[in-house]
Amino acid sequence: MARLIPLILIALAVWFWVRARRKTAAYMASYEHPGGTVREDGERRDPPAPAA
């Protein structure tokens, strides 16, 4: 059990890191392609509206 806890913590850290990278890449892509992007899951994402 003592060996399992660090493995779980490392797995969680890797999972959160990969998730953050994916979200960051999608966010950056929305600014690189102003017409909106199609995400990996097929959902279209429009870029954020400009501030007035």
Protein backbone atom coordinates (compact mmCIF):
# COMPACT_ATOMS: atom_id res chain seq x y z
CA MET A 1 0.00 0.00 0.00
CA ALA A 2 2.86 2.38 0.76
CA ARG A 3 4.13 1.98 -2.83
CA LEU A 4 0.69 2.49 -4.30
CA ILE A 5 0.11 6.01 -2.93
CA PRO A 6 3.09 7.65 -4.72
CA LEU A 7 2.10 5.91 -7.97
CA ILE A 8 -1.42 7.27 -7.68
CA LEU A 9 -0.10 10.78 -6.98
CA ILE A 10 2.26 10.62 -9.97
CA ALA A 11 -0.54 9.35 -12.22
CA LEU A 12 -2.80 12.20 -11.10
CA ALA A 13 -0.06 14.76 -11.71
CA VAL A 14 0.53 13.44 -15.24
CA TRP A 15 -3.20 13.39 -15.95
CA PHE A 16 -3.66 17.01 -14.84
CA TRP A 17 -0.57 18.07 -16.81
CA VAL A 18 -1.83 16.45 -20.02
CA ARG A 19 -5.29 17.94 -19.48
CA ALA A 20 -3.84 21.42 -18.98
CA ARG A 21 -1.71 21.10 -22.13
CA ARG A 22 -4.76 20.10 -24.17
CA LYS A 23 -6.81 23.02 -22.86
CA THR A 24 -3.94 25.45 -23.46
CA ALA A 25 -3.49 24.18 -27.03
CA ALA A 26 -7.20 24.60 -27.74
CA TYR A 27 -7.14 28.10 -26.25
CA MET A 28 -4.14 29.13 -28.34
CA ALA A 29 -5.65 27.60 -31.48
CA SER A 30 -8.79 29.69 -31.01
CA TYR A 31 -6.65 32.82 -31.40
CA GLU A 32 -4.56 31.47 -34.28
CA HIS A 33 -7.68 30.64 -36.34
CA PRO A 34 -10.11 33.55 -35.90
CA GLY A 35 -12.98 31.80 -37.68
CA GLY A 36 -13.32 29.28 -34.88
CA THR A 37 -11.82 25.85 -34.57
CA VAL A 38 -13.13 22.33 -34.63
CA ARG A 39 -11.91 20.50 -31.55
CA GLU A 40 -10.81 16.87 -31.42
CA ASP A 41 -14.23 15.78 -30.20
CA GLY A 42 -15.89 17.43 -33.20
CA GLU A 43 -17.38 20.36 -31.29
CA ARG A 44 -16.92 23.75 -32.94
CA ARG A 45 -15.47 26.43 -30.69
CA ASP A 46 -15.80 30.08 -31.62
CA PRO A 47 -13.17 32.51 -30.39
CA PRO A 48 -14.09 34.74 -27.46
CA ALA A 49 -15.91 37.98 -28.27
CA PRO A 50 -13.77 41.14 -28.15
CA ALA A 51 -14.16 43.36 -25.10
CA ALA A 52 -16.23 46.44 -25.72
